[in-house]
Protein backbone atom coordinates (compact mmCIF):
# COMPACT_ATOMS: atom_id res chain seq x y z
CA MET A 1 -0.11 -0.18 -0.09
CA ILE A 2 1.08 3.27 -0.65
CA TYR A 3 0.46 6.24 1.91
CA GLU A 4 0.09 9.81 2.42
CA LEU A 5 2.72 11.08 5.00
CA THR A 6 0.80 13.32 7.71
CA ASP A 7 4.29 13.91 9.66
CA THR A 8 6.77 14.45 7.13
CA SER A 9 9.52 14.76 9.67
CA LYS A 10 9.44 10.75 9.61
CA ALA A 11 11.03 10.65 6.16
CA ALA A 12 13.01 13.84 6.44
CA GLY A 13 16.10 11.67 6.81
CA LEU A 14 15.57 9.53 3.78
CA PHE A 15 16.22 12.69 1.34
CA ASP A 16 19.11 14.49 4.18
CA GLY A 17 21.61 16.25 2.18
CA TRP A 18 19.25 16.74 -0.65
CA GLN A 19 19.18 20.65 -1.79
CA GLU A 20 16.16 20.32 -3.93
CA THR A 21 13.65 23.29 -2.67
CA LEU A 22 10.71 21.34 -4.53
CA ILE A 23 11.49 18.67 -1.67
CA TYR A 24 11.60 21.10 0.94
CA SER A 25 8.04 22.46 -0.30
CA CYS A 26 6.67 18.63 0.49
CA LEU A 27 8.46 18.18 3.76
CA GLN A 28 7.42 21.54 4.87
CA LYS A 29 4.18 20.84 4.11
CA VAL A 30 3.71 24.34 2.16
CA MET A 31 2.31 22.53 -0.57
CA GLY A 32 2.98 19.11 -2.01
CA LYS A 33 2.91 15.70 -0.46
CA ILE A 34 4.99 13.08 0.94
CA TYR A 35 4.13 9.34 -0.10
CA VAL A 36 5.75 6.13 1.86
CA THR A 37 5.08 2.33 1.91
CA ASP A 38 5.33 2.11 5.52
CA PRO A 39 3.70 5.04 7.47
CA GLU A 40 5.27 4.60 11.15
CA CYS A 41 8.54 3.74 9.68
CA PRO A 42 9.54 5.20 5.75
CA LYS A 43 11.82 3.26 4.08
CA SER A 44 10.87 4.89 0.64
CA ALA A 45 9.35 8.16 0.08
CA MET A 46 8.03 10.12 -2.87
CA ALA A 47 7.94 13.97 -2.24
CA TYR A 48 5.65 14.63 -5.09
CA VAL A 49 4.82 18.54 -6.37
CA GLY A 50 3.47 19.91 -9.47
CA CYS A 51 4.98 17.37 -12.10
CA PHE A 52 8.18 16.24 -10.34
CA ALA A 53 8.24 12.84 -8.21
CA PHE A 54 11.62 12.38 -6.21
CA TYR A 55 12.13 9.21 -4.49
CA ALA A 56 14.68 8.19 -1.63
CA GLY A 57 15.53 6.01 0.80
CA GLU A 58 15.58 2.12 -0.37
CA PRO A 59 14.31 1.60 -4.10
CA ASP A 60 10.99 0.28 -3.89
CA LYS A 61 8.86 -0.66 -7.29
CA GLU A 62 5.74 -0.29 -5.84
CA ILE A 63 6.13 3.41 -5.18
CA VAL A 64 7.32 3.79 -8.34
CA ARG A 65 4.49 2.24 -10.28
CA ASN A 66 1.92 4.45 -8.15
CA LYS A 67 3.35 7.64 -8.84
CA PRO A 68 0.49 10.11 -9.50
CA ASP A 69 -1.10 9.58 -13.40
CA GLY A 70 0.11 11.86 -16.40
CA PHE A 71 2.72 13.34 -17.50
CA THR A 72 5.79 13.20 -14.22
CA ILE A 73 9.12 13.80 -14.17
CA LEU A 74 10.81 11.50 -12.08
CA VAL A 75 14.12 12.19 -10.25
CA PRO A 76 16.13 9.42 -8.56
CA GLN A 77 17.81 9.97 -5.39
CA SER A 78 20.93 7.17 -6.64
CA LYS A 79 21.81 4.59 -9.63
CA ALA A 80 19.92 1.98 -8.08
CA TRP A 81 16.72 4.36 -8.27
CA GLU A 82 17.43 4.91 -11.70
CA THR A 83 17.67 1.06 -12.47
CA CYS A 84 14.25 0.61 -10.15
CA ILE A 85 12.50 3.56 -12.47
CA GLU A 86 13.90 1.65 -15.77
CA GLU A 87 12.43 -1.50 -14.91
CA CYS A 88 9.09 -0.06 -14.05
CA PHE A 89 8.73 2.05 -17.11
CA PRO A 90 11.54 1.18 -19.61
CA LYS A 91 9.98 3.57 -22.27
CA ALA A 92 10.52 6.91 -20.06
CA LYS A 93 12.67 9.41 -21.64
CA LYS A 94 16.11 9.32 -19.60
CA VAL A 95 16.90 13.50 -19.77
CA THR A 96 19.87 15.46 -17.94
CA ARG A 97 18.71 18.25 -16.00
CA PHE A 98 20.94 21.21 -14.33
CA ALA A 99 21.13 22.06 -10.33
CA ILE A 100 21.79 25.72 -9.87
CA LYS A 101 23.58 26.87 -6.24
CA LYS A 102 21.45 27.90 -3.79
CA ASP A 103 23.63 30.38 -2.16
CA THR A 104 23.50 32.90 -4.64
CA LYS A 105 24.85 36.63 -3.49
CA PHE A 106 22.61 38.86 -6.25
CA ASP A 107 23.73 42.44 -7.35
CA LYS A 108 20.61 44.17 -7.47
CA GLU A 109 22.36 47.18 -9.49
CA LEU A 110 22.85 44.51 -12.20
CA LEU A 111 19.42 43.34 -11.97
CA ARG A 112 17.96 46.84 -11.78
CA SER A 113 19.57 47.67 -15.03
CA MET A 114 17.97 44.45 -16.71
CA VAL A 115 14.58 45.34 -16.17
CA ALA A 116 15.37 49.06 -16.84
CA LYS A 117 15.87 47.27 -20.60
CA LEU A 118 11.85 46.67 -21.32
CA PRO A 119 10.98 47.40 -24.81
CA GLY A 120 8.60 50.19 -25.55
CA GLY A 121 5.25 48.54 -26.41
CA TYR A 122 5.39 46.25 -23.59
CA GLU A 123 4.36 46.14 -19.68
CA LEU A 124 5.70 44.69 -16.90
CA LYS A 125 2.95 43.64 -13.98
CA GLU A 126 2.90 41.61 -10.46
CA ILE A 127 0.36 38.45 -11.47
CA ASP A 128 -2.02 39.53 -9.36
CA GLU A 129 -6.33 38.46 -9.18
CA LYS A 130 -6.87 39.63 -13.00
CA ILE A 131 -3.50 38.47 -14.34
CA TYR A 132 -3.43 35.07 -12.94
CA ASP A 133 -6.58 34.20 -14.60
CA LEU A 134 -5.08 34.59 -18.21
CA CYS A 135 -2.20 32.66 -17.32
CA PRO A 136 -3.91 29.24 -17.59
CA ALA A 137 -5.44 30.33 -21.08
CA ASP A 138 -2.64 29.60 -22.86
CA PRO A 139 0.08 26.70 -22.65
CA ALA A 140 3.32 28.66 -22.26
CA THR A 141 1.95 30.65 -19.37
CA ARG A 142 -0.35 27.80 -17.79
CA ASP A 143 3.06 26.76 -15.24
CA PHE A 144 3.30 29.74 -13.89
CA VAL A 145 0.11 29.35 -11.61
CA SER A 146 -0.63 25.62 -12.10
CA SER A 147 1.15 24.15 -9.51
CA PHE A 148 -0.87 25.73 -6.46
CA GLU A 149 -4.15 23.96 -5.56
CA THR A 150 -6.16 27.12 -6.12
CA LYS A 151 -6.20 30.71 -7.21
CA GLU A 152 -6.32 31.65 -3.66
CA LYS A 153 -3.25 29.45 -2.47
CA TYR A 154 -1.31 31.14 -5.14
CA LEU A 155 -2.25 34.92 -4.27
CA ASP A 156 -0.95 34.07 -0.81
CA LEU A 157 1.83 32.13 -1.22
CA GLY A 158 3.01 32.57 -5.26
CA ARG A 159 5.05 34.96 -6.33
CA GLY A 160 5.30 35.99 -10.21
CA MET A 161 6.15 39.41 -13.16
CA VAL A 162 4.97 38.92 -16.43
CA ILE A 163 5.25 41.33 -19.45
CA MET A 164 2.16 42.34 -21.10
CA LYS A 165 1.81 43.11 -24.90
CA SER A 166 -1.70 44.08 -26.38
CA GLY A 167 -3.61 42.77 -23.35
CA ARG A 168 -1.44 39.23 -23.77
CA ILE A 169 1.12 37.76 -21.44
CA VAL A 170 3.84 37.23 -23.40
CA ALA A 171 6.42 36.24 -21.11
CA GLY A 172 6.71 36.05 -17.31
CA ALA A 173 8.80 34.59 -14.38
CA SER A 174 6.77 32.73 -11.42
CA SER A 175 6.70 30.54 -9.23
CA TYR A 176 5.96 27.21 -10.04
CA THR A 177 6.65 26.15 -6.21
CA ARG A 178 6.70 27.80 -2.86
CA TYR A 179 8.52 26.55 0.18
CA ARG A 180 9.05 28.90 3.63
CA GLU A 181 12.04 30.30 2.79
CA GLY A 182 11.87 30.90 -0.53
CA ILE A 183 10.22 29.95 -4.07
CA GLU A 184 11.18 28.03 -6.92
CA ILE A 185 11.11 29.90 -10.44
CA GLU A 186 9.28 29.01 -14.22
CA VAL A 187 10.01 30.81 -16.89
CA ASP A 188 8.73 30.83 -20.64
CA THR A 189 8.19 33.62 -23.12
CA ILE A 190 5.47 32.59 -26.11
CA GLU A 191 7.18 31.50 -29.52
CA GLU A 192 6.86 34.81 -31.26
CA GLU A 193 8.40 36.91 -28.06
CA ARG A 194 11.64 34.48 -28.22
CA ARG A 195 15.05 36.34 -28.14
CA LYS A 196 14.32 39.67 -27.44
CA GLY A 197 15.48 39.10 -23.86
CA LEU A 198 11.78 39.00 -22.44
CA ALA A 199 12.65 36.37 -19.92
CA THR A 200 15.64 38.10 -18.37
CA ILE A 201 13.78 40.92 -17.63
CA ALA A 202 10.78 39.22 -16.17
CA SER A 203 13.51 37.06 -14.31
CA ALA A 204 15.07 39.76 -12.95
CA ALA A 205 12.19 41.81 -11.88
CA LEU A 206 10.74 38.85 -9.91
CA ILE A 207 14.51 38.17 -8.50
CA LEU A 208 14.33 41.77 -7.15
CA ARG A 209 10.84 41.47 -5.64
CA CYS A 210 11.67 38.03 -3.72
CA LEU A 211 14.68 39.59 -2.49
CA ASP A 212 12.85 42.63 -0.90
CA GLU A 213 10.69 40.50 0.84
CA GLY A 214 13.68 38.19 1.92
CA LEU A 215 12.81 34.99 0.00
CA TYR A 216 15.18 32.90 -1.81
CA PRO A 217 14.81 32.92 -6.05
CA SER A 218 15.87 28.91 -6.06
CA TRP A 219 16.55 28.48 -10.13
CA ASP A 220 16.82 24.47 -11.87
CA ALA A 221 17.89 24.34 -15.22
CA GLN A 222 16.07 21.92 -17.88
CA ASN A 223 18.48 22.48 -20.28
CA ILE A 224 21.59 24.44 -21.16
CA ASN A 225 20.12 27.66 -22.26
CA SER A 226 18.16 27.99 -19.07
CA VAL A 227 21.94 27.66 -17.58
CA ARG A 228 23.10 29.95 -18.99
CA LEU A 229 20.02 32.61 -18.62
CA ALA A 230 20.54 31.84 -14.86
CA GLU A 231 24.25 32.51 -15.32
CA LYS A 232 23.26 35.98 -16.37
CA LEU A 233 21.42 36.67 -13.51
CA GLY A 234 24.43 35.89 -11.60
CA TYR A 235 23.30 31.99 -10.35
CA GLU A 236 26.29 29.60 -10.50
CA PHE A 237 25.92 26.13 -11.94
CA ASP A 238 26.29 23.18 -9.32
CA HIS A 239 26.00 19.83 -11.17
CA GLU A 240 23.72 17.70 -13.53
CA TYR A 241 21.30 15.08 -12.44
CA THR A 242 19.27 12.56 -13.98
CA ALA A 243 15.81 12.47 -13.93
CA TYR A 244 12.77 10.54 -16.10
CA GLU A 245 10.18 12.05 -18.46
CA VAL A 246 7.02 9.56 -18.28
CA SER A 247 4.47 10.60 -19.98
CA ARG A 248 0.56 9.44 -19.88
CA GLU A 249 1.29 6.82 -22.31
CA ASN A 250 4.18 5.26 -20.19
CA ASP A 251 1.83 5.22 -17.28
CA GLU A 252 -0.82 2.70 -19.84
CA GLU A 253 2.25 0.57 -21.00
CA ALA A 254 2.83 -0.38 -16.85
CA MET A 255 -0.42 -1.14 -16.86
CA GLU A 256 -0.23 -3.29 -19.97
CA LYS A 257 2.13 -5.23 -18.14
CA ALA A 258 -1.13 -6.78 -16.28
CA LEU A 259 -2.20 -8.19 -19.14
CA PHE A 260 0.42 -10.25 -20.24
CA PRO A 261 1.20 -13.06 -18.68
CA MET A 262 -2.75 -13.46 -17.88
CA PRO A 263 -3.91 -16.33 -15.97
CA ASP A 264 -5.04 -19.25 -18.33
CA SER A 265 -8.28 -19.41 -16.99
CA ILE A 266 -9.21 -15.51 -17.77
CA LYS A 267 -7.23 -16.08 -21.20
CA LYS A 268 -9.63 -18.91 -22.44
CA LEU A 269 -13.12 -17.03 -21.42
CA ILE A 270 -11.97 -13.59 -23.41
CA ALA A 271 -9.86 -14.98 -26.10
CA GLY A 272 -10.05 -13.83 -29.70
CA LYS A 273 -13.30 -10.80 -28.24
CA GLU A 274 -12.46 -7.40 -29.09
CA TYR A 275 -12.73 -5.35 -26.07
CA THR A 276 -12.57 -1.09 -24.95
CA THR A 277 -10.48 -0.11 -22.19
CA ASP A 278 -12.07 2.34 -19.22
CA ASP A 279 -9.79 4.25 -17.55
CA VAL A 280 -11.60 4.21 -13.86
CA GLY A 281 -9.54 6.73 -12.42
CA MET A 282 -7.74 4.75 -9.30
CA SER A 283 -3.97 4.00 -9.96
CA GLY A 284 -3.14 1.02 -10.35
CA SER A 285 -6.41 -0.43 -12.30
CA LYS A 286 -7.68 -0.62 -15.37
CA ILE A 287 -11.21 -2.10 -16.85
CA MET A 288 -11.73 -4.00 -19.94
CA ILE A 289 -15.15 -4.06 -21.24
CA PHE A 290 -16.09 -7.03 -23.37
CA ASP A 291 -19.45 -6.74 -24.90
CA ASP A 292 -20.48 -9.43 -22.56
CA CYS A 293 -18.33 -9.24 -19.85
CA VAL A 294 -15.92 -7.12 -18.00
CA LEU A 295 -12.83 -7.85 -16.67
CA LYS A 296 -11.40 -5.38 -14.05
CA ILE A 297 -7.35 -5.76 -13.34
CA LEU A 298 -6.43 -4.20 -9.87
CA ASP A 299 -2.64 -3.85 -8.44
CA ASN A 300 -2.99 -6.72 -5.36
CA ARG A 301 -0.87 -4.42 -3.09
CA LEU A 302 -3.42 -1.51 -3.24
CA TYR A 303 -6.91 -3.30 -3.93
CA ASP A 304 -8.20 -6.85 -2.42
CA GLU A 305 -11.36 -7.48 -4.69
CA GLU A 306 -11.99 -11.00 -2.45
CA SER A 307 -14.61 -9.58 -0.23
CA SER A 308 -15.88 -8.34 -3.67
CA VAL A 309 -16.06 -11.79 -5.14
CA GLN A 310 -17.92 -13.01 -1.84
CA VAL A 311 -20.87 -10.38 -2.00
CA LEU A 312 -21.07 -11.03 -5.41
CA ASN A 313 -21.29 -14.98 -5.10
CA TRP A 314 -24.04 -14.34 -2.48
CA LEU A 315 -26.56 -11.98 -3.95
CA LYS A 316 -26.08 -13.89 -7.55
CA ASP A 317 -29.72 -15.49 -6.73
CA ARG A 318 -31.19 -12.51 -4.37
CA ILE A 319 -30.77 -9.48 -6.57
CA PRO A 320 -29.60 -8.65 -10.51
CA VAL A 321 -25.84 -8.41 -9.63
CA PRO A 322 -22.69 -9.28 -12.17
CA ARG A 323 -22.03 -12.88 -12.14
CA VAL A 324 -18.20 -13.70 -11.18
CA LEU A 325 -16.76 -15.96 -14.16
CA ALA A 326 -13.38 -15.80 -12.96
CA PHE A 327 -11.00 -14.66 -10.02
CA GLU A 328 -7.34 -15.48 -10.60
CA LYS A 329 -4.45 -13.34 -8.50
CA ASN A 330 -0.57 -13.71 -8.99
CA ASN A 331 2.02 -11.64 -7.61
CA ASP A 332 1.39 -8.69 -9.13
CA TYR A 333 -2.16 -8.05 -10.11
CA GLN A 334 -5.90 -9.56 -9.12
CA TYR A 335 -8.18 -10.39 -12.05
CA LEU A 336 -11.73 -10.36 -11.86
CA LEU A 337 -13.83 -11.39 -14.58
CA MET A 338 -17.61 -10.30 -14.95
CA SER A 339 -20.50 -10.35 -16.68
CA ARG A 340 -21.44 -7.20 -17.95
CA ILE A 341 -24.89 -5.58 -16.80
CA PRO A 342 -27.50 -4.57 -19.79
CA GLY A 343 -28.92 -1.11 -19.94
CA GLU A 344 -27.60 2.23 -18.71
CA MET A 345 -26.39 4.42 -15.92
CA SER A 346 -29.41 5.96 -13.73
CA CYS A 347 -27.65 9.25 -14.73
CA SER A 348 -28.32 9.01 -18.22
CA GLU A 349 -29.51 12.18 -19.85
CA TYR A 350 -33.13 10.25 -20.49
CA TYR A 351 -33.65 9.72 -16.85
CA LEU A 352 -32.72 13.31 -15.97
CA GLU A 353 -35.01 14.66 -17.98
CA HIS A 354 -37.69 12.27 -16.78
CA PRO A 355 -37.02 12.73 -12.71
CA LYS A 356 -40.41 11.12 -12.08
CA GLU A 357 -39.84 7.59 -13.54
CA LEU A 358 -35.95 7.94 -12.18
CA LEU A 359 -37.23 8.38 -8.75
CA SER A 360 -39.64 5.47 -8.96
CA LEU A 361 -36.99 3.05 -10.10
CA LEU A 362 -34.82 4.53 -7.39
CA ALA A 363 -37.13 3.94 -5.09
CA LYS A 364 -37.72 0.15 -5.90
CA ALA A 365 -34.13 -0.63 -6.42
CA LEU A 366 -33.39 0.69 -2.78
CA LYS A 367 -36.60 -1.52 -1.41
CA MET A 368 -35.39 -4.38 -3.25
CA LEU A 369 -31.68 -4.25 -1.45
CA TRP A 370 -33.82 -3.70 1.76
CA SER A 371 -36.05 -6.91 1.31
CA VAL A 372 -33.27 -9.45 1.19
CA ASP A 373 -32.32 -11.20 4.16
CA VAL A 374 -29.28 -10.84 5.11
CA SER A 375 -29.09 -14.15 7.21
CA GLY A 376 -25.36 -15.58 6.14
CA CYS A 377 -24.64 -12.40 4.36
CA PRO A 378 -20.48 -13.10 4.43
CA ILE A 379 -19.59 -9.46 4.78
CA GLU A 380 -21.11 -6.75 7.11
CA ARG A 381 -19.76 -3.38 7.32
CA ASP A 382 -21.70 -1.54 10.31
CA ILE A 383 -21.36 2.09 11.88
CA ASP A 384 -18.38 0.40 14.39
CA ALA A 385 -16.63 -1.48 11.43
CA GLN A 386 -16.22 2.18 9.23
CA LEU A 387 -15.57 4.31 12.00
CA LYS A 388 -12.82 2.08 12.59
CA GLU A 389 -11.70 1.91 9.15
CA ALA A 390 -12.22 5.57 8.51
CA ARG A 391 -9.64 6.25 11.37
CA TYR A 392 -7.15 4.03 10.10
CA ARG A 393 -7.40 6.13 6.73
CA VAL A 394 -7.04 9.65 8.55
CA GLU A 395 -4.47 8.11 11.01
CA ASN A 396 -2.24 7.55 7.73
CA GLY A 397 -3.21 10.42 5.69
CA LEU A 398 -5.23 8.24 3.17
CA VAL A 399 -8.39 11.28 3.16
CA ASP A 400 -8.13 13.44 0.24
CA ILE A 401 -10.22 16.47 1.79
CA ASP A 402 -10.03 18.07 -1.87
CA ASP A 403 -13.04 15.67 -3.57
CA ALA A 404 -14.91 17.05 -0.29
CA GLU A 405 -18.09 18.71 -0.60
CA PRO A 406 -17.30 22.77 -0.40
CA ALA A 407 -18.46 23.01 3.34
CA THR A 408 -17.25 20.14 5.01
CA TYR A 409 -13.79 21.79 5.78
CA GLY A 410 -13.18 25.15 6.48
CA LYS A 411 -14.61 28.42 7.53
CA ASP A 412 -18.04 26.98 8.44
CA GLY A 413 -16.96 23.38 8.36
CA PHE A 414 -14.51 21.25 10.11
CA GLU A 415 -10.69 21.76 11.13
CA ASN A 416 -9.52 18.44 9.06
CA PRO A 417 -10.12 15.21 8.67
CA LYS A 418 -9.41 14.53 12.41
CA ALA A 419 -12.16 16.69 13.71
CA LEU A 420 -14.27 14.98 11.40
CA LEU A 421 -13.58 11.93 12.57
CA LYS A 422 -14.22 13.29 16.12
CA TRP A 423 -17.59 14.40 15.62
CA LEU A 424 -18.38 11.37 14.08
CA GLU A 425 -17.60 9.25 16.83
CA GLU A 426 -19.74 11.23 19.31
CA ASN A 427 -22.81 11.56 17.18
CA LYS A 428 -22.99 7.78 15.70
CA PRO A 429 -26.76 7.07 15.42
CA ALA A 430 -28.57 4.18 16.05
CA TYR A 431 -27.82 0.58 13.73
CA GLU A 432 -30.59 0.14 10.96
CA PRO A 433 -29.62 -2.95 9.57
CA VAL A 434 -29.88 -4.00 6.14
CA LEU A 435 -28.69 -5.05 3.42
CA SER A 436 -26.45 -1.88 1.84
CA HIS A 437 -24.87 -0.99 -1.67
CA GLY A 438 -22.25 1.13 0.38
CA ASP A 439 -22.01 3.15 -3.12
CA PHE A 440 -25.53 3.67 -4.09
CA CYS A 441 -24.89 6.62 -6.39
CA LEU A 442 -26.44 7.38 -9.77
CA PRO A 443 -23.62 5.49 -11.80
CA ASN A 444 -23.76 2.27 -10.04
CA ILE A 445 -27.73 1.69 -11.22
CA PHE A 446 -28.21 0.00 -14.04
CA LEU A 447 -31.45 0.42 -16.05
CA LYS A 448 -33.11 -0.85 -18.60
CA ASP A 449 -36.95 -0.91 -20.38
CA GLY A 450 -38.20 0.88 -17.67
CA ASP A 451 -36.44 -1.63 -14.72
CA ILE A 452 -33.85 -2.31 -11.98
CA SER A 453 -31.05 -4.28 -14.49
CA GLY A 454 -28.74 -4.19 -12.15
CA PHE A 455 -26.33 -2.99 -9.54
CA ILE A 456 -22.89 -2.61 -10.34
CA ASP A 457 -19.31 -1.98 -8.14
CA LEU A 458 -20.65 -3.64 -5.02
CA GLY A 459 -16.94 -3.51 -3.28
CA GLY A 460 -18.68 -1.83 -0.29
CA ALA A 461 -21.89 -4.51 -0.49
CA GLY A 462 -22.83 -6.13 2.52
CA ILE A 463 -24.84 -5.54 5.98
CA GLY A 464 -24.99 -2.06 6.54
CA ASP A 465 -26.91 0.95 7.77
CA LYS A 466 -30.58 1.85 5.90
CA TRP A 467 -29.31 5.63 5.94
CA GLU A 468 -26.14 5.54 4.18
CA ASP A 469 -27.49 4.15 0.68
CA ILE A 470 -30.44 6.88 1.20
CA ALA A 471 -27.98 9.47 2.22
CA LEU A 472 -25.98 8.97 -1.01
CA CYS A 473 -28.66 8.30 -3.34
CA TYR A 474 -29.97 11.73 -2.13
CA ARG A 475 -26.29 13.51 -2.88
CA SER A 476 -25.94 11.47 -5.99
CA LEU A 477 -29.59 13.16 -7.25
CA LYS A 478 -29.03 16.45 -6.00
CA HIS A 479 -25.49 16.71 -7.76
CA ASN A 480 -26.40 15.31 -10.94
CA PHE A 481 -29.33 17.54 -11.11
CA ASP A 482 -27.63 20.91 -10.09
CA GLY A 483 -24.87 20.41 -12.59
CA THR A 484 -22.15 19.25 -10.25
CA TYR A 485 -22.08 16.20 -11.88
CA GLY A 486 -21.56 16.41 -15.64
CA GLY A 487 -22.45 20.35 -15.91
CA LYS A 488 -25.63 20.33 -17.15
CA VAL A 489 -28.34 22.31 -14.82
CA TYR A 490 -32.18 20.46 -15.04
CA PRO A 491 -34.26 23.16 -13.00
CA ASP A 492 -37.27 22.25 -11.29
CA PHE A 493 -36.08 18.87 -9.50
CA ASP A 494 -36.26 18.83 -5.55
CA PRO A 495 -33.71 15.93 -4.09
CA ASP A 496 -36.25 15.69 -1.63
CA MET A 497 -39.44 13.94 -4.30
CA LEU A 498 -36.80 10.69 -3.10
CA PHE A 499 -38.32 10.68 0.09
CA ASP A 500 -41.64 11.08 -1.55
CA ALA A 501 -40.84 8.00 -3.75
CA LEU A 502 -39.88 6.03 -1.14
CA GLU A 503 -43.19 6.98 1.11
CA ILE A 504 -40.82 7.82 4.62
CA GLU A 505 -40.04 10.99 6.38
CA PRO A 506 -36.45 12.03 6.08
CA ASP A 507 -34.21 11.45 8.74
CA TRP A 508 -31.71 14.52 8.13
CA GLU A 509 -29.51 13.26 11.14
CA LYS A 510 -28.77 10.29 9.83
CA ILE A 511 -28.29 11.34 6.33
CA LYS A 512 -25.75 14.15 7.29
CA PHE A 513 -23.99 11.71 9.40
CA PHE A 514 -23.56 9.20 6.45
CA ILE A 515 -22.81 11.97 3.80
CA LEU A 516 -20.14 13.08 6.26
CA LEU A 517 -19.06 9.48 6.80
CA ASP A 518 -18.22 8.89 2.95
CA GLU A 519 -16.22 12.32 3.65
CA LEU A 520 -13.45 10.67 4.97
CA PHE A 521 -13.46 7.45 2.30
């Protein structure tokens, strides 16, 4: 398993001596994150911020393979880490980057003379609230602000200077990242404005601004031209180092290794069949979709589908669920081949445009679950069990607060996941056990010919509380109709109509409890 490390001091020793401000950002918890395989006594660690991942400690393929998705620059601490990265991503592009010394004594008069050379027709401006909004629109200026999670965080912590021409940003220098003592500089110029000295002017202006605030403007060079610009500004070259550029295609290549060698029992069942793949958004997972079946492939160090298989087998003659056709594991992956549920998701455009029909079917689906006799069900996820799992996730930094409802954390919400967990443990409602789906949201309920055709994604299914499914269904309805999911707003819909369809009175305290509990998963 990969864990986000909340107490980053536990990994500080692994990065000892590595003079890299992006690592400082992560260790100081200013921005970025530290990931480890052992949260109590880390032996391997990844510092990740922006699109950079720095690997330290003992080489570990698990932590390399599970880097964040998308384009990433992987920086190894040692030759052993280089080998580890090359084995995980054999098609990664090996590059040489250039470290710049971190103790530069700048000549302010020289820098001011550079800024004074701004040509006529150009304007030098700080990145403020209005300029910020222009940066993401152009690939050349996007990285001036892209590493910061929000606009507010950039305006608070970031520093930047841009050169404008006719209302457009044509060059600039900005903080790619921030650490307590300074910033890491990002510089770029649009193609048609290069070789005019604009990058020099913007960089000099940003360095002067940092010096006025007592911040160190750190520089790292992607190429020799960047080194030359740095030296022109007063920096000194330090040393070359190796990095690996891993594209999205390289990510997919690593996952493709899971397909071959595939267990024979799986191969026989899908041989010769055409399929499409679906990136389900989980690192270390892939879905292959065939006409009549679905193959789910997961990294067995990150996921455990055995409980899902147990529940699916127990439910197969009770409610419409995928049939388990085969389940196999090898040293790296687990393979779950299931029958494909016919129909369409209940969040399809047709059903969102016919809410009364949708609500009737969702109520029917919930009552179908509740009608199942749970005697002998192999999995129980009562409130105590879920709180125990939630505590583990909180204590090991596994809660993603960026994916939470806007009001859950912050000024009018909870200070952090730990505070939310404390509230949940102190406000535990009475338990009403039924067969619970565990993730009763619209994409997981399939409909066909005006009826329930099946339930999917039953990894959290088992004996659970009746109001958990109601709460998650209510939230899913609300956000599918208000445009949060999908972007289209369907007016005149009130999610409270769910209770009319169910013919029950809402228990708002329980609904609140289970929506908040889900924020920790």
